[in-house]
């Protein structure tokens, strides 16, 4: 029941805005009509004076000024026609136009928010890869199963461990982000191997976004990451990520 007064207030505000818009347009219309009439009167006076004056009395500057007024008159006539058409629109039609503009604005804002969320998630998943690779080295190749294990390995690492201060900073920043590392899931049954002799890590799927994100167009998105630092945001209209994982992310257990 509380929604009815709110809706009434919104409709009243919308109606007031529409009438204010129409009043401004009518004022512009009146001003342009007045200007057009003045220009037309001036043209008529100039033409009458030219007809009465002898040929040698015609002022070339007046002729130039007269010709220069023609485009301005044409522009004003077009403006007047457009304003008359808008002034003739009903409040209902103006309200429909306002709703359309509002819907477009809402859609733009939704996509901006979706883009910002995706950028933040991309930063988080890159941090997750760094932390998981570092923890895997600390665990002599055994795979941490969750973020509690990862953080315990890093926090308890010897002080002289190479790159430890940098990874502690990565861990701190990741935990401070909204949702923290819980936004990411270490995929079930992933076998995380040590890097090869040349330093390259194998192409194994290790991370995915915990919960698929809804997109403004109705689809869904989810980030995936591999041990060799490949990161991909997968977008599916139906949100069937289990089928996609079975084909492209074989190191996971289907558990969307």
Protein backbone atom coordinates (compact mmCIF):
# COMPACT_ATOMS: atom_id res chain seq x y z
CA UNK A 1 0.00 0.00 0.00
CA UNK A 2 2.90 2.35 0.60
CA UNK A 3 3.76 2.16 -3.09
CA UNK A 4 0.59 4.02 -4.17
CA UNK A 5 1.52 7.42 -2.65
CA UNK A 6 5.03 7.07 -4.06
CA UNK A 7 3.72 6.27 -7.54
CA UNK A 8 1.31 9.19 -7.26
CA UNK A 9 4.13 11.53 -6.33
CA UNK A 10 6.26 10.25 -9.23
CA UNK A 11 3.41 10.72 -11.71
CA UNK A 12 2.70 14.20 -10.35
CA UNK A 13 6.37 15.13 -10.67
CA UNK A 14 6.48 13.71 -14.19
CA UNK A 15 3.35 15.66 -15.18
CA UNK A 16 4.75 18.86 -13.70
CA UNK A 17 7.97 18.35 -15.62
CA UNK A 18 6.09 17.73 -18.86
CA UNK A 19 3.95 20.88 -18.48
CA UNK A 20 7.05 22.89 -17.62
CA UNK A 21 8.72 21.55 -20.77
CA UNK A 22 5.68 22.43 -22.90
CA UNK A 23 5.56 25.94 -21.40
CA UNK A 24 9.21 26.55 -22.29
CA UNK A 25 8.64 25.29 -25.82
CA UNK A 26 5.61 27.55 -26.22
CA UNK A 27 7.65 30.53 -25.04
CA UNK A 28 10.33 29.72 -27.63
CA UNK A 29 7.61 29.34 -30.24
CA UNK A 30 6.14 32.75 -29.42
CA UNK A 31 9.58 34.40 -29.55
CA UNK A 32 10.41 32.84 -32.93
CA UNK A 33 7.02 33.80 -34.35
CA UNK A 34 7.54 37.38 -33.20
CA UNK A 35 11.02 37.46 -34.72
CA UNK A 36 9.71 36.03 -37.98
CA UNK A 37 6.96 38.63 -38.17
CA UNK A 38 9.46 41.43 -37.57
CA UNK A 39 11.75 40.10 -40.30
CA UNK A 40 8.85 39.70 -42.70
CA UNK A 41 7.71 43.27 -42.00
CA UNK A 42 11.24 44.54 -42.56
CA UNK A 43 11.46 42.67 -45.85
CA UNK A 44 8.11 44.06 -46.97
CA UNK A 45 9.21 47.62 -46.16
CA UNK A 46 12.49 47.14 -48.00
CA UNK A 47 10.73 45.73 -51.07
CA UNK A 48 8.24 48.60 -51.09
CA UNK A 49 11.05 51.14 -50.79
CA UNK A 50 12.93 49.47 -53.65
CA UNK A 51 9.88 49.56 -55.89
CA UNK A 52 9.39 53.31 -55.26
CA UNK A 53 13.05 54.29 -55.55
CA UNK A 54 14.69 54.99 -58.92
CA UNK A 55 17.28 52.53 -60.09
CA UNK A 56 20.16 54.84 -59.32
CA UNK A 57 18.91 55.27 -55.75
CA UNK A 58 19.14 51.58 -54.87
CA UNK A 59 21.74 51.01 -52.13
CA UNK A 60 23.84 47.90 -52.88
CA UNK A 61 24.36 47.33 -49.13
CA UNK A 62 20.59 47.24 -48.60
CA UNK A 63 20.25 44.68 -51.38
CA UNK A 64 22.95 42.53 -49.78
CA UNK A 65 21.26 42.81 -46.40
CA UNK A 66 17.91 41.87 -47.93
CA UNK A 67 19.32 38.75 -49.55
CA UNK A 68 21.10 37.77 -46.32
CA UNK A 69 17.76 37.68 -44.50
CA UNK A 70 16.33 34.92 -46.68
CA UNK A 71 18.21 31.94 -45.10
CA UNK A 72 17.38 33.21 -41.61
CA UNK A 73 13.70 33.38 -42.50
CA UNK A 74 13.80 29.85 -43.89
CA UNK A 75 15.46 28.57 -40.70
CA UNK A 76 12.91 30.28 -38.49
CA UNK A 77 10.00 28.89 -40.49
CA UNK A 78 11.41 25.36 -40.04
CA UNK A 79 11.88 25.94 -36.31
CA UNK A 80 8.34 27.20 -35.95
CA UNK A 81 6.91 24.15 -37.72
CA UNK A 82 8.90 21.82 -35.44
CA UNK A 83 7.85 23.66 -32.29
CA UNK A 84 4.21 23.69 -33.35
CA UNK A 85 4.35 19.94 -33.87
CA UNK A 86 5.89 19.38 -30.40
CA UNK A 87 3.45 21.78 -28.77
CA UNK A 88 0.61 19.75 -30.27
CA UNK A 89 1.80 16.55 -28.60
CA UNK A 90 -0.32 15.24 -25.75
CA UNK A 91 1.04 14.89 -22.20
CA UNK A 92 0.73 11.13 -22.58
CA UNK A 93 3.01 11.16 -25.63
CA UNK A 94 5.55 13.38 -23.88
CA UNK A 95 5.47 11.06 -20.86
CA UNK A 96 6.11 8.07 -23.13
CA UNK A 97 9.10 9.86 -24.65
CA UNK A 98 10.40 10.67 -21.16
CA UNK A 99 10.08 7.01 -20.12
CA UNK A 100 11.98 5.91 -23.24
CA UNK A 101 14.82 8.32 -22.50
CA UNK A 102 14.89 7.16 -18.87
CA UNK A 103 15.03 3.50 -19.93
CA UNK A 104 17.98 4.22 -22.24
CA UNK A 105 19.78 6.09 -19.44
CA UNK A 106 19.18 3.18 -17.04
CA UNK A 107 20.57 0.73 -19.61
CA UNK A 108 23.73 2.82 -20.08
CA UNK A 109 24.25 3.02 -16.33
CA UNK A 110 23.76 -0.76 -16.02
CA UNK A 111 26.40 -1.48 -18.68
CA UNK A 112 28.85 0.95 -17.07
CA UNK A 113 28.39 -0.85 -13.76
CA UNK A 114 28.83 -4.22 -15.49
CA UNK A 115 32.07 -3.02 -17.12
CA UNK A 116 33.40 -1.72 -13.80
CA UNK A 117 32.54 -5.01 -12.09
CA UNK A 118 34.29 -6.97 -14.84
CA UNK A 119 37.45 -4.85 -14.52
CA UNK A 120 37.53 -5.38 -10.76
CA UNK A 121 36.99 -9.11 -11.20
CA UNK A 122 39.81 -9.31 -13.77
CA UNK A 123 42.17 -7.67 -11.25
CA UNK A 124 41.03 -10.09 -8.57
CA UNK A 125 41.50 -13.19 -10.68
CA UNK A 126 45.01 -12.10 -11.70
CA UNK A 127 45.80 -11.67 -8.02
CA UNK A 128 44.36 -15.14 -7.41
CA UNK A 129 46.66 -16.70 -10.00
CA UNK A 130 49.71 -15.07 -8.38
CA UNK A 131 48.71 -16.24 -4.91
CA UNK A 132 47.87 -19.78 -6.00
CA UNK A 133 51.10 -20.23 -7.93
CA UNK A 134 53.13 -18.89 -5.03
CA UNK A 135 51.34 -21.11 -2.52
CA UNK A 136 51.84 -24.14 -4.76
CA UNK A 137 55.61 -23.56 -4.71
CA UNK A 138 55.54 -23.20 -0.92
CA UNK A 139 53.63 -26.50 -0.64
CA UNK A 140 56.24 -28.34 -2.77
CA UNK A 141 53.75 -28.90 -5.56
CA UNK A 142 50.73 -30.07 -3.60
CA UNK A 143 47.55 -28.28 -4.58
CA UNK A 144 45.92 -25.93 -2.05
CA UNK A 145 42.20 -26.71 -2.00
CA UNK A 146 40.87 -23.41 -0.75
CA UNK A 147 41.87 -19.84 0.07
CA UNK A 148 42.35 -20.62 3.75
CA UNK A 149 45.15 -23.03 2.84
CA UNK A 150 46.64 -20.49 0.40
CA UNK A 151 46.69 -17.73 2.99
CA UNK A 152 48.08 -20.02 5.70
CA UNK A 153 50.98 -21.08 3.45
CA UNK A 154 51.82 -17.48 2.52
CA UNK A 155 51.44 -16.02 6.02
CA UNK A 156 53.64 -18.78 7.52
CA UNK A 157 56.33 -18.66 4.84
CA UNK A 158 59.90 -17.96 6.04
CA UNK A 159 60.79 -14.27 6.05
CA UNK A 160 63.60 -14.81 3.53
CA UNK A 161 61.29 -16.42 0.95
CA UNK A 162 61.86 -14.70 -2.43
CA UNK A 163 59.08 -12.27 -3.40
CA UNK A 164 57.26 -12.80 -0.11
CA UNK A 165 56.70 -9.03 0.62
CA UNK A 166 55.18 -8.55 -2.84
CA UNK A 167 52.81 -11.50 -2.42
CA UNK A 168 51.81 -10.37 1.06
CA UNK A 169 50.82 -7.04 -0.55
CA UNK A 170 48.84 -8.85 -3.24
CA UNK A 171 47.07 -10.89 -0.58
CA UNK A 172 46.21 -7.81 1.48
CA UNK A 173 44.77 -5.91 -1.49
CA UNK A 174 42.76 -8.92 -2.66
CA UNK A 175 41.22 -9.34 0.78
CA UNK A 176 40.25 -5.66 0.93
CA UNK A 177 38.24 -5.76 -2.27
CA UNK A 178 34.45 -6.16 -1.88
CA UNK A 179 33.81 -9.88 -1.52
CA UNK A 180 37.51 -10.63 -1.09
CA UNK A 181 38.93 -13.89 -2.42
CA UNK A 182 35.57 -15.57 -1.86
CA UNK A 183 34.64 -14.17 -5.30
CA UNK A 184 36.99 -16.79 -6.77
CA UNK A 185 36.86 -20.56 -6.55
CA UNK A 186 39.81 -22.93 -6.82
CA UNK A 187 38.28 -25.45 -9.17
CA UNK A 188 37.54 -28.87 -7.65
CA UNK A 189 40.04 -31.64 -8.41
CA UNK A 190 42.46 -29.28 -10.18
CA UNK A 191 45.93 -30.77 -10.33
CA UNK A 192 48.29 -27.83 -10.01
CA UNK A 193 51.76 -28.79 -11.19
CA UNK A 194 55.08 -27.05 -10.66
CA UNK A 195 56.50 -24.95 -13.50
CA UNK A 196 58.51 -26.72 -16.19
CA UNK A 197 62.30 -26.67 -16.27
CA UNK A 198 62.21 -23.59 -18.51
CA UNK A 199 60.03 -21.75 -15.98
CA UNK A 200 56.78 -22.05 -17.94
CA UNK A 201 53.68 -23.19 -16.10
CA UNK A 202 51.41 -25.83 -17.69
CA UNK A 203 48.10 -24.89 -19.29
CA UNK A 204 45.78 -26.12 -16.54
CA UNK A 205 42.50 -24.61 -15.45
CA UNK A 206 42.70 -23.55 -11.81
CA UNK A 207 40.29 -20.70 -11.03
CA UNK A 208 36.82 -19.55 -11.88
CA UNK A 209 34.50 -16.84 -10.68
CA UNK A 210 32.43 -18.32 -7.86
CA UNK A 211 29.06 -17.04 -9.09
CA UNK A 212 28.20 -16.13 -12.70
CA UNK A 213 27.30 -12.46 -13.17
CA UNK A 214 24.06 -11.30 -14.76
CA UNK A 215 24.52 -8.97 -17.74
CA UNK A 216 22.19 -6.09 -18.69
CA UNK A 217 21.28 -7.80 -21.98
CA UNK A 218 20.02 -10.86 -20.09
CA UNK A 219 23.07 -13.10 -20.54
CA UNK A 220 25.62 -14.26 -17.96
CA UNK A 221 29.39 -13.86 -17.58
CA UNK A 222 32.04 -15.77 -15.67
CA UNK A 223 35.82 -15.41 -15.47
CA UNK A 224 38.13 -18.42 -15.84
CA UNK A 225 41.87 -18.64 -15.29
CA UNK A 226 44.60 -21.10 -16.20
CA UNK A 227 47.90 -21.75 -14.45
CA UNK A 228 49.88 -20.30 -17.39
CA UNK A 229 48.17 -16.95 -16.75
CA UNK A 230 45.50 -17.19 -19.41
CA UNK A 231 42.35 -15.36 -18.27
CA UNK A 232 39.06 -15.44 -20.15
CA UNK A 233 35.65 -13.96 -19.45
CA UNK A 234 33.06 -16.32 -20.89
CA UNK A 235 29.65 -14.88 -21.78
CA UNK A 236 26.70 -17.20 -22.37
CA UNK A 237 23.10 -16.23 -23.10
CA UNK A 238 21.68 -19.20 -21.15
CA UNK A 239 24.24 -19.36 -18.34
CA UNK A 240 25.01 -23.04 -19.04
CA UNK A 241 28.64 -22.91 -17.92
CA UNK A 242 28.77 -26.60 -17.05
CA UNK A 243 28.53 -27.50 -20.74
CA UNK A 244 31.21 -24.94 -21.63
CA UNK A 245 33.53 -26.23 -18.89
CA UNK A 246 33.16 -29.82 -20.06
CA UNK A 247 34.57 -28.79 -23.44
CA UNK A 248 37.03 -26.01 -22.60
CA UNK A 249 37.96 -26.43 -18.94
CA UNK A 250 38.55 -30.16 -18.45
CA UNK A 251 40.41 -29.82 -15.16
CA UNK A 252 37.20 -28.88 -13.36
CA UNK A 253 34.40 -30.88 -11.89
CA UNK A 254 31.08 -29.69 -13.34
CA UNK A 255 29.68 -27.66 -10.49
CA UNK A 256 28.36 -24.35 -11.89
